[in-house]
Amino acid sequence: MHLPDYKEARSRDKRTYNRINFTLDKNIEKKYVGKKYHVKTYGCQMNEHDSENICAMLEALGFTKTDDYLDADLVILNTCSIRENAHNKAFGMLGRLKHLKNEKKDLLIGLCGCMAQERSVVDEILKDYKFVNFVFGTHNLYELPKIIDKAVEENKQQIEVYSREGDLVEGLPVIRSNSYKAYVNIIYGCDKFCTYCIVPYTRGRERSRKKEDILEEVNELVKDGYKEVTLLGQNVNAYGKDLYEDYNMGDLLEDIAKLDIPRVRFMTSHPWDFTDKMIEVIGKYPNIMPSVHLPVQSGSSKILKLMGRRYTRESYLELFHKIKDTVPGVTISTDIIVGFPGETEEDFLETMSLVEECRFDNAFTFIFSEREGTPACKLEDNTSLKEKEERLQRLNEVVNSIFLEKNKALVGKTLKVLVEGTSEKKDMYFGYSETNKLINFTSDKDILCGDIVDVEITDAKTWSLDGKRI
């Protein structure tokens, strides 16, 4: 049994890691033919990509996928710990699975992802959720096949969560959920330690994949006909800092752009590591999408310092305008936290004024969610929940009005759309523009998912656009 330890997880010493290739024990390959699995994913795009690896490993063991957890012989919850809401949803699902296991005694239940890296979560499972068969963390995803087999053979709860990241594993099998858009991990972990964030504890220090491995993966996706890749990391902008002296995120973006894949995206960015080289490359290559996610979190330098964000309001605005001035037609989205401990009305108004100046194309807004073990938990908080909710409502009214105004300005324009499927609206398709706008549109001719088509915008809503193919 291995239990998570925040003190150990916080360590950022100069340990080296090895590059190893994933191998599956031949003794358990296809051992579970005839069994069905269901994977439920919470949280970010990296979790979604981890689930693609999980599904592939399960199918290598012989399991087949079912979309109905009630029909499954194995259920795995791939969890998120960023906010309390995702945490509560996962435990709610465990409650439903407990009732299901009363009916299906042989049902296997597993929990993984960022919640598994929290000691309080593991302690709660050990105490009150003994029906959970296994728990594994973010650092040993590749050990899933042997963890499952051990849980079956020993008929005993397996807790295998490492707080220190190990080797960087290449060659994990993957079953991609999409045949024209793909996620590609380029860096794992984060060294920023924002005071409110649990990710550096759950995902470990920053570890970059070798550029050759990344470029080979993207090149294979190009050969397989993929139209879009999204480069993933907790802080993609830090790519290469731990591995190379003279090769960074800007260089990697340029090399990937030269592979001629139609669309390249990346997330998530930390403003601290956003370099001039990155801005230059994004502006230079038309297949790097002019859509940047640039979390600001607060417009108050005082609150940013309390958050440990390592930049000021002024330096963020300088970077924002530099991107706007350099990349033609770029759209910028952001994250904003309302009600951080110590935030006064004056601090909140600074956030509002920054929003008015930046006029973001999208914003993910949240009330501060306390995460156990982070420094922000120890900060004095004198603002009531009611006041925080009122601030969030005021903020959303402003950002939503900006979204609608900017979308209305697109009516009559023609945008290139990557088709993703048929819309919930009758006889309509949907897809995303180069600037990541959701577009529902009609077409006189049948089209295929993965096609990139020209769409004239005919109507604008706050969160989406309507149009017709031309």
Protein backbone atom coordinates (compact mmCIF):
# COMPACT_ATOMS: atom_id res chain seq x y z
CA MET A 1 0.00 0.00 0.00
CA HIS A 2 1.27 3.47 -0.92
CA LEU A 3 -0.49 6.54 0.54
CA PRO A 4 -0.22 10.15 -0.69
CA ASP A 5 1.87 12.65 1.27
CA TYR A 6 1.62 16.41 0.56
CA LYS A 7 4.98 17.15 2.18
CA GLU A 8 6.69 14.72 -0.15
CA ALA A 9 4.62 15.93 -3.12
CA ARG A 10 5.78 19.50 -2.54
CA SER A 11 9.47 18.63 -2.91
CA ARG A 12 11.11 20.11 -5.99
CA ASP A 13 14.68 18.79 -5.77
CA LYS A 14 16.91 18.15 -8.76
CA ARG A 15 16.05 14.49 -9.18
CA THR A 16 16.41 13.06 -12.66
CA TYR A 17 13.82 10.89 -14.36
CA ASN A 18 14.18 8.26 -17.01
CA ARG A 19 12.35 7.80 -20.27
CA ILE A 20 10.87 4.29 -20.37
CA ASN A 21 8.49 2.51 -22.75
CA PHE A 22 5.22 1.02 -21.58
CA THR A 23 4.94 -2.76 -21.75
CA LEU A 24 1.99 -4.98 -20.87
CA ASP A 25 2.56 -8.20 -18.95
CA LYS A 26 1.79 -10.98 -21.44
CA ASN A 27 0.38 -13.09 -18.61
CA ILE A 28 -2.59 -10.75 -18.21
CA GLU A 29 -3.06 -9.64 -21.81
CA LYS A 30 -6.65 -10.42 -22.87
CA LYS A 31 -7.23 -12.08 -19.47
CA TYR A 32 -10.57 -10.33 -19.01
CA VAL A 33 -12.22 -11.04 -22.35
CA GLY A 34 -16.01 -10.96 -21.95
CA LYS A 35 -15.94 -8.30 -19.23
CA LYS A 36 -17.23 -4.73 -19.77
CA TYR A 37 -15.78 -1.46 -18.49
CA HIS A 38 -17.05 2.08 -17.96
CA VAL A 39 -14.77 5.09 -17.38
CA LYS A 40 -16.24 8.34 -16.06
CA THR A 41 -14.03 11.41 -16.42
CA TYR A 42 -14.13 14.64 -14.43
CA GLY A 43 -12.08 17.79 -14.98
CA CYS A 44 -9.59 19.04 -17.50
CA GLN A 45 -8.44 18.01 -20.97
CA MET A 46 -5.44 16.23 -19.47
CA ASN A 47 -7.83 14.01 -17.51
CA GLU A 48 -9.74 13.36 -20.74
CA HIS A 49 -6.52 12.31 -22.42
CA ASP A 50 -5.55 10.13 -19.43
CA SER A 51 -8.91 8.38 -19.85
CA GLU A 52 -8.04 7.67 -23.48
CA ASN A 53 -4.95 5.86 -22.19
CA ILE A 54 -6.96 4.08 -19.49
CA CYS A 55 -9.48 2.80 -22.04
CA ALA A 56 -6.70 1.47 -24.27
CA MET A 57 -5.04 -0.40 -21.39
CA LEU A 58 -8.38 -1.90 -20.35
CA GLU A 59 -9.06 -3.12 -23.87
CA ALA A 60 -5.57 -4.63 -23.98
CA LEU A 61 -6.68 -6.65 -20.93
CA GLY A 62 -9.71 -7.84 -22.88
CA PHE A 63 -12.42 -5.54 -21.49
CA THR A 64 -14.94 -3.99 -23.89
CA LYS A 65 -16.44 -0.55 -23.40
CA THR A 66 -20.00 0.17 -22.31
CA ASP A 67 -21.56 3.63 -22.05
CA ASP A 68 -23.90 2.43 -19.29
CA TYR A 69 -22.18 1.99 -15.94
CA LEU A 70 -25.08 -0.20 -14.80
CA ASP A 71 -24.00 -2.76 -17.38
CA ALA A 72 -20.29 -2.70 -16.46
CA ASP A 73 -18.12 -5.26 -14.69
CA LEU A 74 -15.53 -2.56 -13.99
CA VAL A 75 -16.11 1.16 -13.31
CA ILE A 76 -13.25 3.65 -13.01
CA LEU A 77 -13.72 7.26 -11.89
CA ASN A 78 -10.98 9.54 -13.23
CA THR A 79 -11.30 12.47 -10.86
CA CYS A 80 -10.50 16.18 -10.55
CA SER A 81 -9.63 18.12 -7.41
CA ILE A 82 -9.49 21.70 -8.72
CA ARG A 83 -12.87 22.67 -7.27
CA GLU A 84 -15.19 21.32 -4.63
CA ASN A 85 -17.99 20.73 -7.13
CA ALA A 86 -16.03 18.07 -9.06
CA HIS A 87 -14.98 16.52 -5.76
CA ASN A 88 -18.60 16.22 -4.61
CA LYS A 89 -19.73 14.76 -7.94
CA ALA A 90 -17.16 11.97 -7.70
CA PHE A 91 -18.20 11.01 -4.18
CA GLY A 92 -21.84 11.15 -5.25
CA MET A 93 -21.06 8.67 -8.01
CA LEU A 94 -19.28 6.42 -5.53
CA GLY A 95 -22.49 6.40 -3.50
CA ARG A 96 -24.45 5.18 -6.51
CA LEU A 97 -21.84 2.53 -7.21
CA LYS A 98 -22.10 1.27 -3.64
CA HIS A 99 -25.78 0.47 -4.22
CA LEU A 100 -24.93 -1.18 -7.54
CA LYS A 101 -22.29 -3.36 -5.88
CA ASN A 102 -24.89 -4.64 -3.44
CA GLU A 103 -26.59 -6.15 -6.51
CA LYS A 104 -23.42 -7.07 -8.44
CA LYS A 105 -21.01 -8.54 -5.89
CA ASP A 106 -18.23 -9.01 -8.46
CA LEU A 107 -18.32 -5.40 -9.69
CA LEU A 108 -14.85 -3.83 -9.67
CA ILE A 109 -14.65 -0.15 -8.71
CA GLY A 110 -11.56 2.03 -9.08
CA LEU A 111 -10.69 5.67 -8.46
CA CYS A 112 -7.82 7.58 -9.99
CA GLY A 113 -6.84 11.10 -11.07
CA CYS A 114 -6.06 14.13 -8.92
CA MET A 115 -8.43 13.30 -6.05
CA ALA A 116 -6.51 10.07 -5.55
CA GLN A 117 -3.42 12.18 -4.73
CA GLU A 118 -5.20 13.80 -1.76
CA ARG A 119 -4.53 12.10 1.57
CA SER A 120 -7.91 13.14 2.98
CA VAL A 121 -9.66 11.45 0.05
CA VAL A 122 -7.71 8.21 0.44
CA ASP A 123 -8.30 8.21 4.20
CA GLU A 124 -12.04 8.63 3.60
CA ILE A 125 -12.04 5.73 1.15
CA LEU A 126 -10.15 3.53 3.61
CA LYS A 127 -12.65 4.40 6.33
CA ASP A 128 -16.04 4.65 4.64
CA TYR A 129 -15.67 3.26 1.10
CA LYS A 130 -14.18 -0.18 1.65
CA PHE A 131 -16.13 -1.43 -1.38
CA VAL A 132 -13.75 0.48 -3.68
CA ASN A 133 -11.39 -2.15 -5.05
CA PHE A 134 -8.44 0.00 -6.03
CA VAL A 135 -7.07 3.54 -6.01
CA PHE A 136 -4.10 4.73 -8.06
CA GLY A 137 -2.63 8.17 -8.68
CA THR A 138 -1.48 10.40 -11.49
CA HIS A 139 2.14 9.23 -11.30
CA ASN A 140 1.54 5.53 -11.91
CA LEU A 141 -1.23 5.51 -14.51
CA TYR A 142 0.81 3.00 -16.53
CA GLU A 143 0.57 0.44 -13.69
CA LEU A 144 -3.22 0.16 -14.03
CA PRO A 145 -3.21 -3.34 -15.65
CA LYS A 146 -1.25 -4.96 -12.81
CA ILE A 147 -3.21 -3.03 -10.14
CA ILE A 148 -6.50 -4.38 -11.51
CA ASP A 149 -5.15 -7.92 -11.75
CA LYS A 150 -3.78 -7.76 -8.20
CA ALA A 151 -7.14 -6.50 -6.88
CA VAL A 152 -8.87 -9.45 -8.55
CA GLU A 153 -6.38 -12.14 -7.59
CA GLU A 154 -5.92 -11.04 -3.96
CA ASN A 155 -9.54 -9.91 -3.48
CA LYS A 156 -8.19 -7.09 -1.33
CA GLN A 157 -8.37 -3.29 -1.63
CA GLN A 158 -5.34 -1.88 -3.44
CA ILE A 159 -4.13 1.66 -2.65
CA GLU A 160 -1.19 2.56 -4.89
CA VAL A 161 -0.63 6.33 -4.87
CA TYR A 162 2.87 7.78 -5.18
CA SER A 163 3.57 11.34 -4.05
CA ARG A 164 6.85 11.59 -5.93
CA GLU A 165 6.66 11.41 -9.69
CA GLY A 166 8.63 8.57 -11.25
CA ASP A 167 9.84 7.87 -14.75
CA LEU A 168 8.36 9.54 -17.78
CA VAL A 169 6.54 6.79 -19.64
CA GLU A 170 6.29 6.79 -23.43
CA GLY A 171 4.32 4.42 -25.62
CA LEU A 172 1.16 4.26 -23.54
CA PRO A 173 -1.62 2.80 -25.70
CA VAL A 174 -4.39 5.23 -26.57
CA ILE A 175 -7.92 4.98 -27.91
CA ARG A 176 -8.71 8.50 -29.02
CA SER A 177 -12.27 9.65 -28.51
CA ASN A 178 -12.15 11.65 -31.73
CA SER A 179 -10.85 10.72 -35.18
CA TYR A 180 -9.93 14.25 -36.31
CA LYS A 181 -8.97 16.13 -33.11
CA ALA A 182 -6.29 14.83 -30.74
CA TYR A 183 -4.71 15.72 -27.42
CA VAL A 184 -0.92 15.51 -27.11
CA ASN A 185 0.79 15.81 -23.73
CA ILE A 186 3.98 17.88 -23.89
CA ILE A 187 4.70 18.58 -20.21
CA TYR A 188 3.48 17.19 -16.90
CA GLY A 189 3.14 18.94 -13.55
CA CYS A 190 3.55 22.51 -12.36
CA ASP A 191 6.14 24.35 -10.27
CA LYS A 192 4.22 27.58 -9.74
CA PHE A 193 2.46 26.74 -6.46
CA CYS A 194 -0.29 29.35 -6.70
CA THR A 195 -1.59 29.53 -3.14
CA TYR A 196 -5.11 28.33 -4.03
CA CYS A 197 -4.11 25.48 -6.35
CA ILE A 198 -3.78 21.79 -5.53
CA VAL A 199 -2.32 20.81 -8.93
CA PRO A 200 1.41 21.03 -8.03
CA TYR A 201 0.70 18.51 -5.25
CA THR A 202 -1.41 16.16 -7.37
CA ARG A 203 0.52 16.32 -10.66
CA GLY A 204 4.08 16.85 -9.41
CA ARG A 205 6.91 18.98 -10.72
CA GLU A 206 7.30 20.11 -14.32
CA ARG A 207 8.62 17.32 -16.55
CA SER A 208 8.86 17.87 -20.30
CA ARG A 209 8.64 15.12 -22.87
CA LYS A 210 11.51 15.00 -25.34
CA LYS A 211 10.78 17.04 -28.44
CA GLU A 212 11.50 14.03 -30.68
CA ASP A 213 8.74 12.00 -28.99
CA ILE A 214 6.24 14.84 -29.31
CA LEU A 215 7.04 15.54 -32.96
CA GLU A 216 6.85 11.85 -33.81
CA GLU A 217 3.40 11.59 -32.16
CA VAL A 218 2.09 14.63 -34.02
CA ASN A 219 3.57 13.41 -37.30
CA GLU A 220 1.75 10.09 -36.90
CA LEU A 221 -1.49 11.99 -36.27
CA VAL A 222 -0.94 13.93 -39.50
CA LYS A 223 -0.43 10.65 -41.38
CA ASP A 224 -3.65 9.31 -39.83
CA GLY A 225 -5.61 12.28 -41.16
CA TYR A 226 -6.08 14.29 -37.97
CA LYS A 227 -6.98 17.93 -38.54
CA GLU A 228 -6.25 19.41 -35.10
CA VAL A 229 -3.93 18.79 -32.17
CA THR A 230 -4.11 20.42 -28.76
CA LEU A 231 -0.83 20.48 -26.85
CA LEU A 232 -1.51 19.82 -23.17
CA GLY A 233 0.16 20.60 -19.88
CA GLN A 234 -0.66 22.13 -16.52
CA ASN A 235 1.63 24.94 -17.68
CA VAL A 236 2.49 24.42 -21.35
CA ASN A 237 4.48 27.66 -21.53
CA ALA A 238 7.13 26.15 -19.25
CA TYR A 239 7.87 23.44 -21.82
CA GLY A 240 11.56 22.60 -22.16
CA LYS A 241 12.84 24.62 -19.20
CA ASP A 242 13.67 21.44 -17.28
CA LEU A 243 15.12 19.62 -20.29
CA TYR A 244 16.88 22.00 -22.67
CA GLU A 245 19.05 25.09 -22.48
CA ASP A 246 18.03 26.56 -25.83
CA TYR A 247 14.71 24.97 -26.81
CA ASN A 248 11.37 26.12 -25.42
CA MET A 249 7.65 26.33 -26.11
CA GLY A 250 8.11 28.82 -28.94
CA ASP A 251 10.53 26.45 -30.70
CA LEU A 252 8.22 23.47 -30.22
CA LEU A 253 5.22 25.37 -31.59
CA GLU A 254 7.23 26.33 -34.66
CA ASP A 255 8.41 22.76 -35.29
CA ILE A 256 4.87 21.40 -34.95
CA ALA A 257 3.48 24.10 -37.26
CA LYS A 258 5.96 22.95 -39.92
CA LEU A 259 4.45 19.44 -39.85
CA ASP A 260 1.50 20.86 -41.80
CA ILE A 261 -1.30 19.75 -39.51
CA PRO A 262 -4.18 22.15 -40.28
CA ARG A 263 -4.80 23.30 -36.71
CA VAL A 264 -2.62 23.57 -33.60
CA ARG A 265 -3.88 24.69 -30.18
CA PHE A 266 -2.31 24.63 -26.71
CA MET A 267 -3.39 24.97 -23.10
CA THR A 268 -3.10 25.94 -20.32
CA SER A 269 -0.83 28.98 -20.30
CA HIS A 270 0.61 30.78 -17.30
CA PRO A 271 1.29 34.45 -18.08
CA TRP A 272 4.63 34.27 -16.26
CA ASP A 273 6.13 31.96 -18.91
CA PHE A 274 4.52 33.48 -22.03
CA THR A 275 7.54 34.53 -24.11
CA ASP A 276 7.99 36.95 -27.00
CA LYS A 277 9.11 33.98 -29.11
CA MET A 278 5.76 32.29 -28.52
CA ILE A 279 3.87 35.42 -29.56
CA GLU A 280 6.02 35.77 -32.67
CA VAL A 281 5.48 32.14 -33.73
CA ILE A 282 1.70 32.24 -33.14
CA GLY A 283 1.48 35.33 -35.32
CA LYS A 284 3.73 33.85 -38.01
CA TYR A 285 2.06 30.48 -38.70
CA PRO A 286 -1.57 30.38 -39.89
CA ASN A 287 -2.06 26.81 -38.67
CA ILE A 288 -1.39 27.85 -35.06
CA MET A 289 -4.86 28.94 -34.10
CA PRO A 290 -5.20 32.61 -33.06
CA SER A 291 -6.91 31.62 -29.82
CA VAL A 292 -5.08 32.01 -26.52
CA HIS A 293 -6.25 31.03 -23.04
CA LEU A 294 -4.53 33.43 -20.64
CA PRO A 295 -5.81 33.07 -17.05
CA VAL A 296 -5.66 36.35 -15.12
CA GLN A 297 -7.53 35.18 -11.96
CA SER A 298 -7.78 38.74 -10.54
CA GLY A 299 -7.34 42.33 -11.67
CA SER A 300 -5.88 43.42 -8.35
CA SER A 301 -2.10 43.28 -7.90
CA LYS A 302 -2.65 42.87 -4.16
CA ILE A 303 -4.78 39.76 -4.68
CA LEU A 304 -2.45 38.42 -7.37
CA LYS A 305 0.38 38.59 -4.83
CA LEU A 306 -1.73 36.73 -2.26
CA MET A 307 -2.48 34.15 -4.96
CA GLY A 308 1.23 33.71 -5.69
CA ARG A 309 0.68 34.41 -9.38
CA ARG A 310 4.12 36.07 -9.95
CA TYR A 311 2.83 38.91 -12.09
CA THR A 312 1.04 42.20 -11.50
CA ARG A 313 -2.02 43.73 -13.09
CA GLU A 314 0.26 45.97 -15.13
CA SER A 315 2.51 43.18 -16.42
CA TYR A 316 -0.54 41.07 -17.37
CA LEU A 317 -2.02 43.97 -19.34
CA GLU A 318 1.31 44.55 -21.07
CA LEU A 319 1.40 40.91 -22.17
CA PHE A 320 -2.28 40.96 -23.17
CA HIS A 321 -1.84 43.96 -25.45
CA LYS A 322 1.40 42.60 -26.91
CA ILE A 323 -0.45 39.44 -28.00
CA LYS A 324 -3.34 41.49 -29.36
CA ASP A 325 -1.01 43.78 -31.31
CA THR A 326 1.10 40.94 -32.76
CA VAL A 327 -1.32 38.11 -33.63
CA PRO A 328 -3.87 39.09 -36.31
CA GLY A 329 -7.48 38.47 -35.25
CA VAL A 330 -6.49 36.75 -32.00
CA THR A 331 -9.12 35.95 -29.38
CA ILE A 332 -8.16 35.70 -25.73
CA SER A 333 -10.07 33.83 -23.02
CA THR A 334 -9.34 33.80 -19.31
CA ASP A 335 -10.11 32.43 -15.84
CA ILE A 336 -11.26 34.67 -13.00
CA ILE A 337 -11.65 33.82 -9.30
CA VAL A 338 -14.07 35.92 -7.27
CA GLY A 339 -13.99 36.14 -3.49
CA PHE A 340 -10.38 35.11 -2.87
CA PRO A 341 -9.52 35.58 0.83
CA GLY A 342 -8.76 39.25 1.44
CA GLU A 343 -10.57 40.51 -1.66
CA THR A 344 -12.27 43.81 -0.91
CA GLU A 345 -14.86 45.62 -2.99
CA GLU A 346 -12.04 47.82 -4.30
CA ASP A 347 -10.06 44.74 -5.39
CA PHE A 348 -13.13 43.35 -7.13
CA LEU A 349 -13.67 46.65 -8.95
CA GLU A 350 -10.10 46.41 -10.22
CA THR A 351 -11.00 43.04 -11.72
CA MET A 352 -14.10 44.58 -13.31
CA SER A 353 -12.07 47.42 -14.83
CA LEU A 354 -9.51 44.94 -16.22
CA VAL A 355 -12.34 42.99 -17.83
CA GLU A 356 -13.69 46.18 -19.38
CA GLU A 357 -10.24 46.97 -20.79
CA CYS A 358 -9.42 43.50 -22.09
CA ARG A 359 -12.92 42.62 -23.32
CA PHE A 360 -12.18 38.89 -23.25
CA ASP A 361 -13.74 36.62 -25.85
CA ASN A 362 -14.55 34.05 -23.17
CA ALA A 363 -14.12 33.82 -19.42
CA PHE A 364 -14.47 30.98 -16.95
CA THR A 365 -15.56 32.61 -13.70
CA PHE A 366 -15.67 30.98 -10.27
CA ILE A 367 -16.14 31.72 -6.61
CA PHE A 368 -12.98 30.82 -4.67
CA SER A 369 -13.03 27.13 -3.73
CA GLU A 370 -10.92 26.22 -0.72
CA ARG A 371 -8.68 23.18 -1.27
CA GLU A 372 -7.35 21.42 1.79
CA GLY A 373 -3.57 21.60 2.12
CA THR A 374 -3.05 24.78 0.11
CA PRO A 375 -1.70 28.01 1.69
CA ALA A 376 -4.88 29.92 0.78
CA CYS A 377 -6.75 27.85 3.37
CA LYS A 378 -4.85 29.69 6.09
CA LEU A 379 -5.70 33.19 4.86
CA GLU A 380 -8.28 35.24 6.73
CA ASP A 381 -11.54 35.52 4.82
CA ASN A 382 -14.04 38.14 6.00
CA THR A 383 -16.29 38.15 2.93
CA SER A 384 -19.62 36.36 3.17
CA LEU A 385 -20.70 33.80 0.61
CA LYS A 386 -23.67 35.99 -0.26
CA GLU A 387 -21.38 38.89 -1.14
CA LYS A 388 -19.15 36.61 -3.21
CA GLU A 389 -22.17 35.33 -5.12
CA GLU A 390 -23.32 38.91 -5.78
CA ARG A 391 -19.87 39.80 -7.11
CA LEU A 392 -19.88 36.77 -9.40
CA GLN A 393 -23.28 37.76 -10.74
CA ARG A 394 -22.09 41.31 -11.42
CA LEU A 395 -18.99 40.01 -13.17
CA ASN A 396 -20.95 37.56 -15.30
CA GLU A 397 -23.38 40.25 -16.40
CA VAL A 398 -20.47 42.28 -17.74
CA VAL A 399 -18.54 39.45 -19.40
CA ASN A 400 -21.70 38.02 -20.99
CA SER A 401 -22.64 41.37 -22.47
CA ILE A 402 -19.14 41.63 -23.96
CA PHE A 403 -19.35 38.11 -25.40
CA LEU A 404 -22.67 38.92 -27.08
CA GLU A 405 -21.43 42.24 -28.45
CA LYS A 406 -18.30 40.66 -29.92
CA ASN A 407 -20.29 37.79 -31.41
CA LYS A 408 -22.74 40.19 -33.03
CA ALA A 409 -19.80 41.87 -34.76
CA LEU A 410 -19.19 38.56 -36.58
CA VAL A 411 -22.61 38.50 -38.29
CA GLY A 412 -22.08 38.63 -42.04
CA LYS A 413 -18.48 37.41 -41.82
CA THR A 414 -17.23 34.08 -43.15
CA LEU A 415 -15.36 31.78 -40.76
CA LYS A 416 -13.60 28.47 -41.29
CA VAL A 417 -15.22 25.76 -39.20
CA LEU A 418 -13.95 22.29 -38.31
CA VAL A 419 -17.09 20.14 -38.43
CA GLU A 420 -17.64 18.05 -35.28
CA GLY A 421 -21.10 16.59 -35.79
CA THR A 422 -24.79 17.25 -36.07
CA SER A 423 -26.26 19.85 -33.76
CA GLU A 424 -29.05 19.37 -31.26
CA LYS A 425 -30.87 21.82 -33.47
CA LYS A 426 -32.71 20.02 -36.25
CA ASP A 427 -30.91 19.74 -39.59
CA MET A 428 -27.83 21.63 -38.40
CA TYR A 429 -24.16 20.83 -38.02
CA PHE A 430 -21.81 22.21 -35.40
CA GLY A 431 -18.11 22.90 -35.11
CA TYR A 432 -15.54 25.40 -33.98
CA SER A 433 -13.90 28.32 -35.76
CA GLU A 434 -10.18 29.05 -35.76
CA THR A 435 -10.81 31.39 -32.82
CA ASN A 436 -12.66 28.62 -30.96
CA LYS A 437 -16.19 29.97 -31.44
CA LEU A 438 -18.97 27.37 -31.33
CA ILE A 439 -20.96 27.58 -34.57
CA ASN A 440 -24.22 25.82 -35.48
CA PHE A 441 -24.87 25.94 -39.22
CA THR A 442 -26.89 24.57 -42.10
CA SER A 443 -25.51 23.04 -45.29
CA ASP A 444 -27.10 22.30 -48.65
CA LYS A 445 -24.74 19.35 -49.12
CA ASP A 446 -23.81 16.48 -46.81
CA ILE A 447 -20.51 16.98 -45.05
CA LEU A 448 -18.33 14.77 -42.87
CA CYS A 449 -16.98 15.22 -39.37
CA GLY A 450 -13.45 16.48 -39.72
CA ASP A 451 -14.16 18.60 -42.80
CA ILE A 452 -13.10 22.25 -42.63
CA VAL A 453 -15.75 24.39 -44.33
CA ASP A 454 -16.55 28.07 -44.87
CA VAL A 455 -19.56 29.29 -42.90
CA GLU A 456 -21.26 32.68 -43.17
CA ILE A 457 -22.49 33.89 -39.78
CA THR A 458 -26.18 34.79 -39.79
CA ASP A 459 -27.02 35.20 -36.10
CA ALA A 460 -25.19 35.70 -32.81
CA LYS A 461 -25.88 34.51 -29.28
CA THR A 462 -23.88 34.93 -26.09
CA TRP A 463 -22.23 31.51 -26.26
CA SER A 464 -22.57 30.49 -29.90
CA LEU A 465 -23.08 31.61 -33.48
CA ASP A 466 -25.50 30.44 -36.19
CA GLY A 467 -24.60 30.32 -39.84
CA LYS A 468 -24.87 28.70 -43.25
CA ARG A 469 -22.23 26.91 -45.27
CA ILE A 470 -21.12 28.73 -48.39
